[in-house]
Amino acid sequence: MHILIIFVVIVLILFIPIPLSFHFYVSKDRFYVKIYNINLLSNDGGLIKKFLNKKKPKEDKGKNIEKTIDDHKDDNDSSNKKVKFKETPFKKLYHNLAYNKFKPTLKFDSNISYSLGDSSKTAIAFGLLYNINPILLNIFSIIFKVKRYKNDFKPIFKDKILFELTLNSIITFNLAKIIYICFIIIKSFNKNRR
């Protein structure tokens, strides 16, 4: 009975879908990055900013000099090693990810308001920017199963430069899919090394 309960719990942990809500905003005066409405980074603060502002222990100058010398040695060694691994398995990785049937799902919504300071330039940019949408959709489709994709551009015809980006997306995944994607990546790189 206990084994059955443990098995059911493991299956639920692996296969229950987990929605990850992501919000990103950038304008001239403000920016923020939020996950589940938790402020990770913004001009007002955020968890990452607080973490980075913590005081780091001071190191001796002598140690820093030794580190820089060691880093130069490591760079020389790594440059010699890089010659052996010139070709990376990106084609194989792309193929494996693109044809993966167990992809996380993505719902993507974004709005971009902009002005280039000149009406004609703003109008020309509007046509060019909309050509980005199929490219972005193809890139997202490599890793995700795209359920919704909405990327709107709103030109503002004013005599000043303006930019405002609002991005909201929900990535739904489970642990089994993440483990499988990690397996695909490792498998692709290991095959290349052989």
C-alpha atoms as a PDB file:
ATOM      1  CA  MET A   1       0.000   0.000   0.000  1.00  0.00           C
ATOM      2  CA  HIS A   2       2.800   2.408   0.907  1.00  0.00           C
ATOM      3  CA  ILE A   3       4.652   1.537  -2.317  1.00  0.00           C
ATOM      4  CA  LEU A   4       1.519   2.312  -4.359  1.00  0.00           C
ATOM      5  CA  ILE A   5       1.109   5.692  -2.649  1.00  0.00           C
ATOM      6  CA  ILE A   6       4.791   6.551  -3.266  1.00  0.00           C
ATOM      7  CA  PHE A   7       4.443   5.503  -6.920  1.00  0.00           C
ATOM      8  CA  VAL A   8       1.321   7.665  -7.384  1.00  0.00           C
ATOM      9  CA  VAL A   9       3.065  10.658  -5.757  1.00  0.00           C
ATOM     10  CA  ILE A  10       6.133  10.272  -8.023  1.00  0.00           C
ATOM     11  CA  VAL A  11       3.908  10.053 -11.115  1.00  0.00           C
ATOM     12  CA  LEU A  12       1.988  13.151 -10.056  1.00  0.00           C
ATOM     13  CA  ILE A  13       5.223  15.089  -9.415  1.00  0.00           C
ATOM     14  CA  LEU A  14       6.581  14.127 -12.833  1.00  0.00           C
ATOM     15  CA  PHE A  15       3.463  14.684 -14.935  1.00  0.00           C
ATOM     16  CA  ILE A  16       1.400  17.429 -13.249  1.00  0.00           C
ATOM     17  CA  PRO A  17       1.592  20.538 -15.497  1.00  0.00           C
ATOM     18  CA  ILE A  18       3.248  23.553 -13.877  1.00  0.00           C
ATOM     19  CA  PRO A  19       2.350  26.979 -15.346  1.00  0.00           C
ATOM     20  CA  LEU A  20       5.167  29.539 -15.178  1.00  0.00           C
ATOM     21  CA  SER A  21       3.878  33.102 -15.534  1.00  0.00           C
ATOM     22  CA  PHE A  22       6.446  35.617 -16.794  1.00  0.00           C
ATOM     23  CA  HIS A  23       6.016  39.412 -17.089  1.00  0.00           C
ATOM     24  CA  PHE A  24       8.481  41.864 -18.596  1.00  0.00           C
ATOM     25  CA  TYR A  25       8.081  45.620 -19.082  1.00  0.00           C
ATOM     26  CA  VAL A  26      10.470  48.253 -20.455  1.00  0.00           C
ATOM     27  CA  SER A  27       9.916  51.954 -21.077  1.00  0.00           C
ATOM     28  CA  LYS A  28      11.989  55.114 -20.917  1.00  0.00           C
ATOM     29  CA  ASP A  29      11.343  55.625 -17.206  1.00  0.00           C
ATOM     30  CA  ARG A  30      10.636  52.151 -15.861  1.00  0.00           C
ATOM     31  CA  PHE A  31      11.373  48.444 -16.216  1.00  0.00           C
ATOM     32  CA  TYR A  32      10.591  45.263 -14.332  1.00  0.00           C
ATOM     33  CA  VAL A  33      10.863  41.493 -14.595  1.00  0.00           C
ATOM     34  CA  LYS A  34       8.311  39.439 -12.688  1.00  0.00           C
ATOM     35  CA  ILE A  35       7.592  35.746 -12.235  1.00  0.00           C
ATOM     36  CA  TYR A  36       4.247  34.924 -10.591  1.00  0.00           C
ATOM     37  CA  ASN A  37       3.974  38.690  -9.843  1.00  0.00           C
ATOM     38  CA  ILE A  38       7.147  38.426  -7.740  1.00  0.00           C
ATOM     39  CA  ASN A  39       9.430  41.343  -8.575  1.00  0.00           C
ATOM     40  CA  LEU A  40      12.751  39.796  -9.616  1.00  0.00           C
ATOM     41  CA  LEU A  41      14.362  42.923 -11.035  1.00  0.00           C
ATOM     42  CA  SER A  42      13.208  46.509 -11.543  1.00  0.00           C
ATOM     43  CA  ASN A  43      14.430  50.091 -11.315  1.00  0.00           C
ATOM     44  CA  ASP A  44      12.800  50.215  -7.856  1.00  0.00           C
ATOM     45  CA  GLY A  45      14.595  47.135  -6.548  1.00  0.00           C
ATOM     46  CA  GLY A  46      13.711  43.463  -6.792  1.00  0.00           C
ATOM     47  CA  LEU A  47      15.022  40.192  -5.376  1.00  0.00           C
ATOM     48  CA  ILE A  48      18.023  39.982  -7.724  1.00  0.00           C
ATOM     49  CA  LYS A  49      19.068  43.561  -6.982  1.00  0.00           C
ATOM     50  CA  LYS A  50      18.904  42.914  -3.246  1.00  0.00           C
ATOM     51  CA  PHE A  51      20.993  39.779  -3.652  1.00  0.00           C
ATOM     52  CA  LEU A  52      23.633  41.569  -5.758  1.00  0.00           C
ATOM     53  CA  ASN A  53      23.819  44.505  -3.339  1.00  0.00           C
ATOM     54  CA  LYS A  54      24.908  42.259  -0.499  1.00  0.00           C
ATOM     55  CA  LYS A  55      28.486  42.987   0.504  1.00  0.00           C
ATOM     56  CA  LYS A  56      31.036  40.545  -0.817  1.00  0.00           C
ATOM     57  CA  PRO A  57      34.115  39.635   1.255  1.00  0.00           C
ATOM     58  CA  LYS A  58      37.163  41.642   0.245  1.00  0.00           C
ATOM     59  CA  GLU A  59      40.046  39.740  -1.310  1.00  0.00           C
ATOM     60  CA  ASP A  60      43.728  40.557  -1.052  1.00  0.00           C
ATOM     61  CA  LYS A  61      45.335  42.299  -4.002  1.00  0.00           C
ATOM     62  CA  GLY A  62      48.004  39.590  -4.108  1.00  0.00           C
ATOM     63  CA  LYS A  63      45.367  36.936  -4.591  1.00  0.00           C
ATOM     64  CA  ASN A  64      43.784  38.950  -7.379  1.00  0.00           C
ATOM     65  CA  ILE A  65      47.139  39.220  -9.181  1.00  0.00           C
ATOM     66  CA  GLU A  66      47.684  35.479  -8.841  1.00  0.00           C
ATOM     67  CA  LYS A  67      44.191  34.837 -10.150  1.00  0.00           C
ATOM     68  CA  THR A  68      44.760  37.013 -13.214  1.00  0.00           C
ATOM     69  CA  ILE A  69      48.004  35.147 -13.977  1.00  0.00           C
ATOM     70  CA  ASP A  70      46.258  31.806 -13.540  1.00  0.00           C
ATOM     71  CA  ASP A  71      43.370  33.000 -15.719  1.00  0.00           C
ATOM     72  CA  HIS A  72      45.800  33.874 -18.520  1.00  0.00           C
ATOM     73  CA  LYS A  73      47.324  30.417 -18.246  1.00  0.00           C
ATOM     74  CA  ASP A  74      43.886  28.826 -18.312  1.00  0.00           C
ATOM     75  CA  ASP A  75      42.959  30.906 -21.357  1.00  0.00           C
ATOM     76  CA  ASN A  76      46.031  29.667 -23.195  1.00  0.00           C
ATOM     77  CA  ASP A  77      45.279  26.075 -22.230  1.00  0.00           C
ATOM     78  CA  SER A  78      41.619  26.408 -23.173  1.00  0.00           C
ATOM     79  CA  SER A  79      42.532  27.962 -26.559  1.00  0.00           C
ATOM     80  CA  ASN A  80      44.615  24.882 -27.296  1.00  0.00           C
ATOM     81  CA  LYS A  81      41.798  22.596 -26.198  1.00  0.00           C
ATOM     82  CA  LYS A  82      39.209  24.461 -28.286  1.00  0.00           C
ATOM     83  CA  VAL A  83      41.028  23.416 -31.459  1.00  0.00           C
ATOM     84  CA  LYS A  84      39.965  19.827 -30.813  1.00  0.00           C
ATOM     85  CA  PHE A  85      36.287  20.739 -30.452  1.00  0.00           C
ATOM     86  CA  LYS A  86      35.764  23.170 -33.323  1.00  0.00           C
ATOM     87  CA  GLU A  87      32.477  21.718 -34.492  1.00  0.00           C
ATOM     88  CA  THR A  88      29.591  21.822 -32.030  1.00  0.00           C
ATOM     89  CA  PRO A  89      26.523  19.634 -32.530  1.00  0.00           C
ATOM     90  CA  PHE A  90      24.041  22.479 -33.016  1.00  0.00           C
ATOM     91  CA  LYS A  91      22.512  20.908 -36.121  1.00  0.00           C
ATOM     92  CA  LYS A  92      21.892  17.647 -34.293  1.00  0.00           C
ATOM     93  CA  LEU A  93      20.570  19.518 -31.254  1.00  0.00           C
ATOM     94  CA  TYR A  94      18.262  21.631 -33.436  1.00  0.00           C
ATOM     95  CA  HIS A  95      16.907  18.525 -35.168  1.00  0.00           C
ATOM     96  CA  ASN A  96      16.306  16.683 -31.886  1.00  0.00           C
ATOM     97  CA  LEU A  97      14.570  19.646 -30.234  1.00  0.00           C
ATOM     98  CA  ALA A  98      12.485  20.557 -33.294  1.00  0.00           C
ATOM     99  CA  TYR A  99      11.125  17.000 -33.673  1.00  0.00           C
ATOM    100  CA  ASN A 100      10.618  16.455 -29.946  1.00  0.00           C
ATOM    101  CA  LYS A 101       6.985  15.446 -29.291  1.00  0.00           C
ATOM    102  CA  PHE A 102       7.130  16.286 -25.581  1.00  0.00           C
ATOM    103  CA  LYS A 103       7.536  20.067 -25.659  1.00  0.00           C
ATOM    104  CA  PRO A 104       6.457  22.562 -22.998  1.00  0.00           C
ATOM    105  CA  THR A 105       3.554  24.745 -24.144  1.00  0.00           C
ATOM    106  CA  LEU A 106       3.882  28.498 -24.606  1.00  0.00           C
ATOM    107  CA  LYS A 107       1.335  31.314 -24.584  1.00  0.00           C
ATOM    108  CA  PHE A 108       3.041  34.508 -25.705  1.00  0.00           C
ATOM    109  CA  ASP A 109       1.563  38.024 -25.698  1.00  0.00           C
ATOM    110  CA  SER A 110       3.495  41.216 -26.265  1.00  0.00           C
ATOM    111  CA  ASN A 111       2.803  44.819 -27.194  1.00  0.00           C
ATOM    112  CA  ILE A 112       5.436  47.199 -28.509  1.00  0.00           C
ATOM    113  CA  SER A 113       4.659  50.915 -28.774  1.00  0.00           C
ATOM    114  CA  TYR A 114       7.297  53.013 -30.475  1.00  0.00           C
ATOM    115  CA  SER A 115       8.102  56.263 -32.209  1.00  0.00           C
ATOM    116  CA  LEU A 116      11.287  57.023 -34.156  1.00  0.00           C
ATOM    117  CA  GLY A 117      10.845  60.795 -34.071  1.00  0.00           C
ATOM    118  CA  ASP A 118       9.802  60.962 -37.713  1.00  0.00           C
ATOM    119  CA  SER A 119       6.462  59.820 -39.171  1.00  0.00           C
ATOM    120  CA  SER A 120       7.936  58.294 -42.335  1.00  0.00           C
ATOM    121  CA  LYS A 121      10.615  56.326 -40.444  1.00  0.00           C
ATOM    122  CA  THR A 122       8.024  55.113 -37.943  1.00  0.00           C
ATOM    123  CA  ALA A 123       5.745  53.907 -40.767  1.00  0.00           C
ATOM    124  CA  ILE A 124       8.611  52.098 -42.564  1.00  0.00           C
ATOM    125  CA  ALA A 125       9.697  50.438 -39.299  1.00  0.00           C
ATOM    126  CA  PHE A 126       6.115  49.224 -38.755  1.00  0.00           C
ATOM    127  CA  GLY A 127       6.271  47.113 -41.917  1.00  0.00           C
ATOM    128  CA  LEU A 128       9.744  45.808 -41.129  1.00  0.00           C
ATOM    129  CA  LEU A 129       8.905  44.892 -37.527  1.00  0.00           C
ATOM    130  CA  TYR A 130       5.897  42.784 -38.515  1.00  0.00           C
ATOM    131  CA  ASN A 131       8.237  40.596 -40.604  1.00  0.00           C
ATOM    132  CA  ILE A 132       9.918  39.551 -37.340  1.00  0.00           C
ATOM    133  CA  ASN A 133       6.797  37.672 -36.195  1.00  0.00           C
ATOM    134  CA  PRO A 134       7.181  34.532 -38.375  1.00  0.00           C
ATOM    135  CA  ILE A 135      10.890  34.365 -37.470  1.00  0.00           C
ATOM    136  CA  LEU A 136      10.150  34.550 -33.733  1.00  0.00           C
ATOM    137  CA  LEU A 137       7.362  31.997 -34.083  1.00  0.00           C
ATOM    138  CA  ASN A 138       9.738  29.549 -35.789  1.00  0.00           C
ATOM    139  CA  ILE A 139      12.359  30.058 -33.064  1.00  0.00           C
ATOM    140  CA  PHE A 140       9.809  29.471 -30.291  1.00  0.00           C
ATOM    141  CA  SER A 141       8.469  26.383 -32.101  1.00  0.00           C
ATOM    142  CA  ILE A 142      11.862  24.681 -31.828  1.00  0.00           C
ATOM    143  CA  ILE A 143      11.592  24.370 -28.035  1.00  0.00           C
ATOM    144  CA  PHE A 144       7.906  24.997 -27.308  1.00  0.00           C
ATOM    145  CA  LYS A 145       4.516  23.888 -28.530  1.00  0.00           C
ATOM    146  CA  VAL A 146       3.100  27.348 -29.224  1.00  0.00           C
ATOM    147  CA  LYS A 147      -0.576  27.514 -28.243  1.00  0.00           C
ATOM    148  CA  ARG A 148      -0.925  31.280 -28.579  1.00  0.00           C
ATOM    149  CA  TYR A 149       1.344  33.826 -30.218  1.00  0.00           C
ATOM    150  CA  LYS A 150       0.382  37.497 -30.288  1.00  0.00           C
ATOM    151  CA  ASN A 151       2.971  40.181 -30.931  1.00  0.00           C
ATOM    152  CA  ASP A 152       1.523  43.603 -31.737  1.00  0.00           C
ATOM    153  CA  PHE A 153       3.383  46.713 -32.851  1.00  0.00           C
ATOM    154  CA  LYS A 154       1.765  50.087 -32.241  1.00  0.00           C
ATOM    155  CA  PRO A 155       3.386  53.020 -34.026  1.00  0.00           C
ATOM    156  CA  ILE A 156       3.063  56.413 -32.349  1.00  0.00           C
ATOM    157  CA  PHE A 157       3.498  59.283 -34.781  1.00  0.00           C
ATOM    158  CA  LYS A 158       5.202  61.891 -32.624  1.00  0.00           C
ATOM    159  CA  ASP A 159       8.291  64.055 -33.045  1.00  0.00           C
ATOM    160  CA  LYS A 160      10.178  62.286 -30.277  1.00  0.00           C
ATOM    161  CA  ILE A 161      11.711  58.851 -29.785  1.00  0.00           C
ATOM    162  CA  LEU A 162       9.556  56.544 -27.668  1.00  0.00           C
ATOM    163  CA  PHE A 163       9.711  52.857 -26.819  1.00  0.00           C
ATOM    164  CA  GLU A 164       7.536  50.715 -24.585  1.00  0.00           C
ATOM    165  CA  LEU A 165       7.509  46.906 -24.425  1.00  0.00           C
ATOM    166  CA  THR A 166       5.015  44.830 -22.457  1.00  0.00           C
ATOM    167  CA  LEU A 167       5.522  41.073 -22.521  1.00  0.00           C
ATOM    168  CA  ASN A 168       3.344  38.466 -20.813  1.00  0.00           C
ATOM    169  CA  SER A 169       3.900  34.769 -21.310  1.00  0.00           C
ATOM    170  CA  ILE A 170       2.899  31.507 -19.673  1.00  0.00           C
ATOM    171  CA  ILE A 171       5.099  28.433 -20.073  1.00  0.00           C
ATOM    172  CA  THR A 172       3.396  25.197 -19.021  1.00  0.00           C
ATOM    173  CA  PHE A 173       5.690  22.247 -18.392  1.00  0.00           C
ATOM    174  CA  ASN A 174       6.179  19.240 -16.159  1.00  0.00           C
ATOM    175  CA  LEU A 175       9.313  17.707 -14.705  1.00  0.00           C
ATOM    176  CA  ALA A 176       9.180  14.750 -17.106  1.00  0.00           C
ATOM    177  CA  LYS A 177       9.398  17.101 -20.128  1.00  0.00           C
ATOM    178  CA  ILE A 178      12.297  19.048 -18.599  1.00  0.00           C
ATOM    179  CA  ILE A 179      14.193  15.816 -17.858  1.00  0.00           C
ATOM    180  CA  TYR A 180      13.578  14.613 -21.425  1.00  0.00           C
ATOM    181  CA  ILE A 181      14.818  17.897 -22.945  1.00  0.00           C
ATOM    182  CA  CYS A 182      17.955  17.741 -20.769  1.00  0.00           C
ATOM    183  CA  PHE A 183      18.480  14.153 -21.982  1.00  0.00           C
ATOM    184  CA  ILE A 184      18.187  15.325 -25.619  1.00  0.00           C
ATOM    185  CA  ILE A 185      20.789  18.079 -25.072  1.00  0.00           C
ATOM    186  CA  ILE A 186      23.251  15.752 -23.314  1.00  0.00           C
ATOM    187  CA  LYS A 187      22.751  13.060 -25.949  1.00  0.00           C
ATOM    188  CA  SER A 188      23.413  15.508 -28.797  1.00  0.00           C
ATOM    189  CA  PHE A 189      26.675  16.750 -27.280  1.00  0.00           C
ATOM    190  CA  ASN A 190      27.916  13.306 -26.275  1.00  0.00           C
ATOM    191  CA  LYS A 191      27.430  11.965 -29.797  1.00  0.00           C
ATOM    192  CA  ASN A 192      29.514  14.812 -31.211  1.00  0.00           C
ATOM    193  CA  ARG A 193      32.416  14.153 -28.832  1.00  0.00           C
ATOM    194  CA  ARG A 194      32.563  10.536 -29.868  1.00  0.00           C
END
